[in-house]
């Protein structure tokens, strides 16, 4: 149900995000089976609450962005346990620096911090500004410049 790096390749959440984002920008989301793709993405949630990028892999905070943003664009964000995911994400935040690591107990880095904060925005965290799921930018910047994209309707 997902997208891989070439026809027949294993699906991967990061590649799905780039495909879905491109289709949203170009107005071609009608080519996607939103239910099938949404199901594949929702299946990335593990017992820990975290998300992985493909089956049989460990959860990682960066997939809180890749998977959540794709589900948001597809209007299927309600298919995952948001509270359980938020708990996993906050367990990955370093209490000294505030940054995010890939998993609880690992060292934080800018990559995972960006996607952790952006993911919290998509979960509706009130202390984080609204981040656009297609562009991974503050929505207020896109609104100011009148940047639009397509989303799947209910």
Protein backbone atom coordinates (compact mmCIF):
# COMPACT_ATOMS: atom_id res chain seq x y z
CA UNK A 1 0.00 0.00 0.00
CA UNK A 2 3.01 2.35 0.18
CA UNK A 3 5.77 3.76 -1.99
CA UNK A 4 9.34 2.54 -2.29
CA UNK A 5 12.42 3.88 -4.02
CA UNK A 6 11.47 2.13 -7.30
CA UNK A 7 8.65 -0.12 -8.56
CA UNK A 8 8.54 -3.32 -6.51
CA UNK A 9 10.82 -1.98 -3.76
CA UNK A 10 9.90 -2.12 -0.08
CA UNK A 11 7.64 0.70 1.08
CA UNK A 12 9.17 3.23 3.46
CA UNK A 13 7.45 6.02 5.42
CA UNK A 14 10.02 8.67 4.44
CA UNK A 15 9.53 7.92 0.75
CA UNK A 16 5.77 7.87 1.20
CA UNK A 17 5.93 11.37 2.69
CA UNK A 18 7.88 12.70 -0.29
CA UNK A 19 5.48 11.07 -2.74
CA UNK A 20 2.32 12.22 -0.95
CA UNK A 21 3.76 15.70 -0.44
CA UNK A 22 4.64 15.99 -4.13
CA UNK A 23 1.17 14.83 -5.13
CA UNK A 24 -0.36 17.37 -2.71
CA UNK A 25 1.71 20.21 -4.17
CA UNK A 26 0.87 19.26 -7.76
CA UNK A 27 -2.83 18.61 -7.08
CA UNK A 28 -2.72 14.89 -7.86
CA UNK A 29 -3.71 13.22 -4.58
CA UNK A 30 -6.60 11.56 -6.44
CA UNK A 31 -4.07 8.98 -7.67
CA UNK A 32 -3.60 7.69 -4.10
CA UNK A 33 -5.77 5.05 -2.44
CA UNK A 34 -6.01 7.00 0.84
CA UNK A 35 -7.52 4.13 2.80
CA UNK A 36 -4.94 1.56 1.72
CA UNK A 37 -2.01 3.93 2.20
CA UNK A 38 -3.46 5.24 5.47
CA UNK A 39 -3.78 1.67 6.75
CA UNK A 40 -0.12 0.94 5.89
CA UNK A 41 0.96 4.10 7.70
CA UNK A 42 -1.23 3.46 10.76
CA UNK A 43 0.29 -0.02 11.01
CA UNK A 44 3.65 1.66 11.72
CA UNK A 45 2.53 2.37 15.30
CA UNK A 46 4.14 -0.06 17.74
CA UNK A 47 3.19 -1.12 21.27
CA UNK A 48 5.52 1.57 22.65
CA UNK A 49 3.35 4.19 20.93
CA UNK A 50 6.22 5.16 18.64
CA UNK A 51 6.23 4.81 14.86
CA UNK A 52 8.63 2.99 12.59
CA UNK A 53 9.35 3.61 8.93
CA UNK A 54 8.83 0.05 7.73
CA UNK A 55 7.83 -3.30 9.22
CA UNK A 56 10.09 -5.02 11.74
CA UNK A 57 12.09 -1.85 12.54
CA UNK A 58 12.45 0.09 15.78
CA UNK A 59 10.38 3.20 16.52
CA UNK A 60 12.05 6.53 15.84
CA UNK A 61 10.95 10.11 16.57
CA UNK A 62 11.61 11.19 12.97
CA UNK A 63 8.76 8.92 11.85
CA UNK A 64 6.51 10.95 14.10
CA UNK A 65 6.88 13.48 11.30
CA UNK A 66 7.01 11.29 8.17
CA UNK A 67 4.02 9.15 9.17
CA UNK A 68 1.96 11.85 10.89
CA UNK A 69 2.38 14.36 8.08
CA UNK A 70 1.37 11.75 5.49
CA UNK A 71 -1.67 10.74 7.55
CA UNK A 72 -2.61 14.43 7.99
CA UNK A 73 -2.43 15.05 4.24
CA UNK A 74 -4.55 11.92 3.67
CA UNK A 75 -7.04 12.98 6.37
CA UNK A 76 -6.36 9.77 8.33
CA UNK A 77 -4.59 11.15 11.41
CA UNK A 78 -7.37 9.76 13.61
CA UNK A 79 -6.25 6.20 12.73
CA UNK A 80 -3.42 6.21 15.30
CA UNK A 81 -3.30 6.50 19.08
CA UNK A 82 -2.13 10.11 19.39
CA UNK A 83 -1.75 10.10 23.19
CA UNK A 84 0.40 6.98 23.13
CA UNK A 85 2.57 8.49 20.40
CA UNK A 86 2.92 11.77 22.29
CA UNK A 87 4.05 9.87 25.38
CA UNK A 88 6.73 8.06 23.32
CA UNK A 89 7.90 11.32 21.75
CA UNK A 90 8.19 13.16 25.05
CA UNK A 91 10.18 10.22 26.47
CA UNK A 92 12.72 10.93 23.70
CA UNK A 93 13.20 14.55 24.81
CA UNK A 94 16.42 15.28 26.68
CA UNK A 95 15.69 16.86 30.07
CA UNK A 96 18.90 18.94 30.01
CA UNK A 97 19.00 20.31 26.45
CA UNK A 98 15.34 20.04 25.45
CA UNK A 99 16.35 18.35 22.19
CA UNK A 100 14.91 15.10 20.90
CA UNK A 101 16.69 11.81 20.24
CA UNK A 102 15.55 9.00 17.98
CA UNK A 103 14.56 6.85 20.97
CA UNK A 104 14.41 7.25 24.76
CA UNK A 105 17.89 7.32 26.32
CA UNK A 106 19.78 8.18 23.11
CA UNK A 107 21.53 11.49 22.44
CA UNK A 108 19.45 14.33 20.96
CA UNK A 109 20.33 15.87 17.62
CA UNK A 110 18.94 18.68 15.40
CA UNK A 111 17.33 16.27 12.88
CA UNK A 112 15.22 14.46 15.46
CA UNK A 113 14.51 17.69 17.34
CA UNK A 114 13.04 19.31 14.22
CA UNK A 115 10.84 16.34 13.41
CA UNK A 116 9.88 15.82 17.07
CA UNK A 117 8.66 19.40 17.41
CA UNK A 118 6.93 19.30 14.01
CA UNK A 119 5.26 16.02 14.96
CA UNK A 120 4.02 17.48 18.25
CA UNK A 121 2.46 20.30 16.22
CA UNK A 122 0.53 17.78 14.11
CA UNK A 123 -0.67 16.15 17.34
CA UNK A 124 -2.13 19.51 18.37
CA UNK A 125 0.39 20.40 21.07
CA UNK A 126 -0.65 23.92 22.09
CA UNK A 127 2.86 25.07 23.04
CA UNK A 128 4.06 24.49 19.47
CA UNK A 129 2.99 26.65 16.55
CA UNK A 130 1.13 25.14 13.61
CA UNK A 131 3.46 23.34 11.20
CA UNK A 132 2.25 22.63 7.67
CA UNK A 133 2.26 18.87 6.92
CA UNK A 134 3.36 19.26 3.29
CA UNK A 135 6.16 21.81 3.63
CA UNK A 136 7.29 21.26 7.25
CA UNK A 137 7.22 25.02 7.71
CA UNK A 138 5.26 27.31 10.02
CA UNK A 139 1.76 27.67 8.56
CA UNK A 140 1.81 31.42 9.24
CA UNK A 141 4.75 31.84 6.81
CA UNK A 142 2.90 29.92 4.07
CA UNK A 143 -0.30 31.90 4.71
CA UNK A 144 1.59 35.19 4.46
CA UNK A 145 2.93 34.15 1.04
CA UNK A 146 -0.38 32.52 -0.02
CA UNK A 147 1.21 29.08 -0.58
CA UNK A 148 -1.48 26.41 -1.09
CA UNK A 149 -1.58 22.64 -1.55
CA UNK A 150 -4.16 19.89 -1.92
CA UNK A 151 -5.43 17.68 0.93
CA UNK A 152 -7.78 14.70 0.88
CA UNK A 153 -11.33 15.57 1.87
CA UNK A 154 -13.29 13.31 4.24
